[in-house]
Amino acid sequence: MKTYEMMFIIDATRHEGAGVQQVANEVGELITRVGGNMIKLRRMGLRKLAYPIKKKTEGYYYLAYFTIEGPLLTELDRLLRLNDSILRFLITVALPTVVAELPETDEEDDTSGEGTDITESDDEVDEETDEDDFDDDFDDENE
């Protein structure tokens, strides 16, 4: 059996609080019912969507890792499409390095429900040095 990674988005307007976790648990049960084995379910939190999906602008992101036989993926795909609470999902084969790094516990990474923001690095880049490097590269090409 291969290990798969699935990211799915739960409709934020239909569910709040415990209802969101219940839908996520139902997805895990669905994977098990189809014949898969749930490894890890990671809550990514509430995030703004890059573009509206079904006229929704926010959703709860989850990342699931599971093993399943290849032919059973089509049935899982069909059942996920029938679930109105899931706005979008994507299933890919998990990289072996990612699977090896998964923690053994099934703790949620973000319990606040707000998600984590990506912040810029504190390392300041010296703009003057970058411009000089660019000018040197440009001069070398023109010679």
Protein backbone atom coordinates (compact mmCIF):
# COMPACT_ATOMS: atom_id res chain seq x y z
CA MET A 1 0.00 0.00 0.00
CA LYS A 2 1.17 3.49 -0.80
CA THR A 3 1.03 6.41 1.58
CA TYR A 4 -1.01 9.36 0.40
CA GLU A 5 -1.31 12.95 1.49
CA MET A 6 -4.62 14.77 1.18
CA MET A 7 -5.30 18.43 1.79
CA PHE A 8 -8.94 19.36 2.14
CA ILE A 9 -10.85 22.53 2.95
CA ILE A 10 -13.98 22.51 5.10
CA ASP A 11 -16.63 25.17 4.55
CA ALA A 12 -16.25 27.77 7.33
CA THR A 13 -19.77 29.14 6.93
CA ARG A 14 -21.46 25.77 7.53
CA HIS A 15 -19.43 24.63 10.52
CA GLU A 16 -17.83 26.30 13.50
CA GLY A 17 -15.88 24.99 16.49
CA ALA A 18 -16.64 21.35 17.25
CA GLY A 19 -18.57 20.96 13.98
CA VAL A 20 -15.40 21.47 11.96
CA GLN A 21 -13.53 18.83 13.95
CA GLN A 22 -16.49 16.47 13.53
CA VAL A 23 -16.35 16.84 9.73
CA ALA A 24 -12.58 16.22 9.79
CA ASN A 25 -13.10 13.09 11.90
CA GLU A 26 -15.79 11.94 9.44
CA VAL A 27 -13.24 12.22 6.63
CA GLY A 28 -10.87 10.02 8.64
CA GLU A 29 -13.66 7.50 9.23
CA LEU A 30 -14.49 7.60 5.52
CA ILE A 31 -10.90 6.69 4.66
CA THR A 32 -11.07 3.76 7.08
CA ARG A 33 -14.48 2.64 5.80
CA VAL A 34 -13.24 2.57 2.20
CA GLY A 35 -10.35 0.32 3.24
CA GLY A 36 -7.54 2.71 4.09
CA ASN A 37 -5.56 3.26 7.26
CA MET A 38 -5.43 6.77 8.74
CA ILE A 39 -1.91 7.78 9.85
CA LYS A 40 -2.19 11.46 10.81
CA LEU A 41 -4.75 14.24 10.63
CA ARG A 42 -3.27 17.71 10.97
CA ARG A 43 -5.36 20.84 11.44
CA MET A 44 -3.95 23.81 9.54
CA GLY A 45 -6.58 26.27 10.77
CA LEU A 46 -8.95 28.86 9.34
CA ARG A 47 -7.50 30.64 6.34
CA LYS A 48 -8.63 32.98 3.64
CA LEU A 49 -8.97 31.26 0.28
CA ALA A 50 -6.85 32.49 -2.61
CA TYR A 51 -10.02 32.83 -4.68
CA PRO A 52 -13.71 32.20 -3.95
CA ILE A 53 -14.82 28.56 -4.11
CA LYS A 54 -18.60 28.08 -4.32
CA LYS A 55 -18.93 31.75 -3.29
CA LYS A 56 -16.98 31.10 -0.06
CA THR A 57 -13.90 33.11 0.91
CA GLU A 58 -12.69 31.24 4.04
CA GLY A 59 -12.20 27.63 4.98
CA TYR A 60 -10.63 25.31 7.53
CA TYR A 61 -7.59 23.57 6.05
CA TYR A 62 -6.66 20.02 7.04
CA LEU A 63 -3.83 17.76 5.97
CA ALA A 64 -4.34 13.99 6.20
CA TYR A 65 -1.83 11.18 5.75
CA PHE A 66 -3.14 7.67 5.08
CA THR A 67 -2.39 4.40 3.35
CA ILE A 68 -4.78 2.81 0.89
CA GLU A 69 -4.75 0.50 -2.12
CA GLY A 70 -4.64 2.38 -5.42
CA PRO A 71 -7.96 1.10 -6.87
CA LEU A 72 -9.83 2.22 -3.73
CA LEU A 73 -8.85 5.86 -4.34
CA THR A 74 -11.59 6.26 -6.94
CA GLU A 75 -14.25 5.30 -4.39
CA LEU A 76 -12.73 7.66 -1.82
CA ASP A 77 -12.68 10.44 -4.41
CA ARG A 78 -16.36 9.84 -5.24
CA LEU A 79 -17.44 9.90 -1.59
CA LEU A 80 -15.46 13.07 -0.86
CA ARG A 81 -17.12 14.83 -3.81
CA LEU A 82 -20.55 13.94 -2.38
CA ASN A 83 -19.74 15.64 0.95
CA ASP A 84 -21.10 19.21 0.75
CA SER A 85 -19.02 20.32 3.75
CA ILE A 86 -15.77 19.88 1.81
CA LEU A 87 -15.09 22.77 -0.56
CA ARG A 88 -12.01 21.28 -2.22
CA PHE A 89 -9.54 18.42 -1.77
CA LEU A 90 -6.39 17.14 -3.41
CA ILE A 91 -4.85 13.69 -2.97
CA THR A 92 -1.19 13.08 -3.86
CA VAL A 93 1.34 10.35 -3.17
CA ALA A 94 3.29 11.34 -0.04
CA LEU A 95 7.04 11.61 -0.37
CA PRO A 96 8.93 8.99 1.67
CA THR A 97 10.92 11.72 3.44
CA VAL A 98 7.70 13.40 4.60
CA VAL A 99 6.25 10.12 5.83
CA ALA A 100 9.45 9.35 7.77
CA GLU A 101 9.26 12.72 9.54
CA LEU A 102 5.65 12.31 10.70
CA PRO A 103 5.36 12.25 14.48
CA GLU A 104 3.88 9.14 16.06
CA THR A 105 1.31 11.12 18.06
CA ASP A 106 -1.94 12.33 16.54
CA GLU A 107 -1.84 15.79 18.14
CA GLU A 108 -3.21 18.77 16.29
CA ASP A 109 -0.61 21.33 15.32
CA ASP A 110 -2.90 24.33 15.56
CA THR A 111 -5.70 24.37 18.08
CA SER A 112 -6.47 28.07 17.81
CA GLY A 113 -8.33 27.61 14.53
CA GLU A 114 -6.67 30.65 13.03
CA GLY A 115 -3.84 28.95 11.19
CA THR A 116 -0.26 30.07 11.13
CA ASP A 117 1.02 33.02 9.22
CA ILE A 118 4.21 32.87 7.25
CA THR A 119 6.42 35.68 8.47
CA GLU A 120 9.37 37.15 6.73
CA SER A 121 12.83 36.34 7.98
CA ASP A 122 14.47 38.74 10.40
CA ASP A 123 17.64 38.65 8.33
CA GLU A 124 17.97 41.93 6.52
CA VAL A 125 19.38 41.82 3.01
CA ASP A 126 21.85 44.51 2.12
CA GLU A 127 20.21 46.02 -0.96
CA GLU A 128 23.38 47.84 -1.96
CA THR A 129 25.34 44.59 -2.16
CA ASP A 130 22.63 42.90 -4.22
CA GLU A 131 22.54 45.78 -6.69
CA ASP A 132 26.34 45.70 -7.05
CA ASP A 133 26.26 41.96 -7.73
CA PHE A 134 23.58 42.49 -10.35
CA ASP A 135 25.56 45.28 -12.02
CA ASP A 136 28.69 43.10 -12.13
CA ASP A 137 26.75 40.22 -13.70
CA PHE A 138 25.17 42.58 -16.22
CA ASP A 139 28.54 44.11 -17.16
CA ASP A 140 30.08 40.64 -17.64
CA GLU A 141 27.33 39.67 -20.07
CA ASN A 142 27.75 42.83 -22.18
CA GLU A 143 31.53 42.48 -22.58
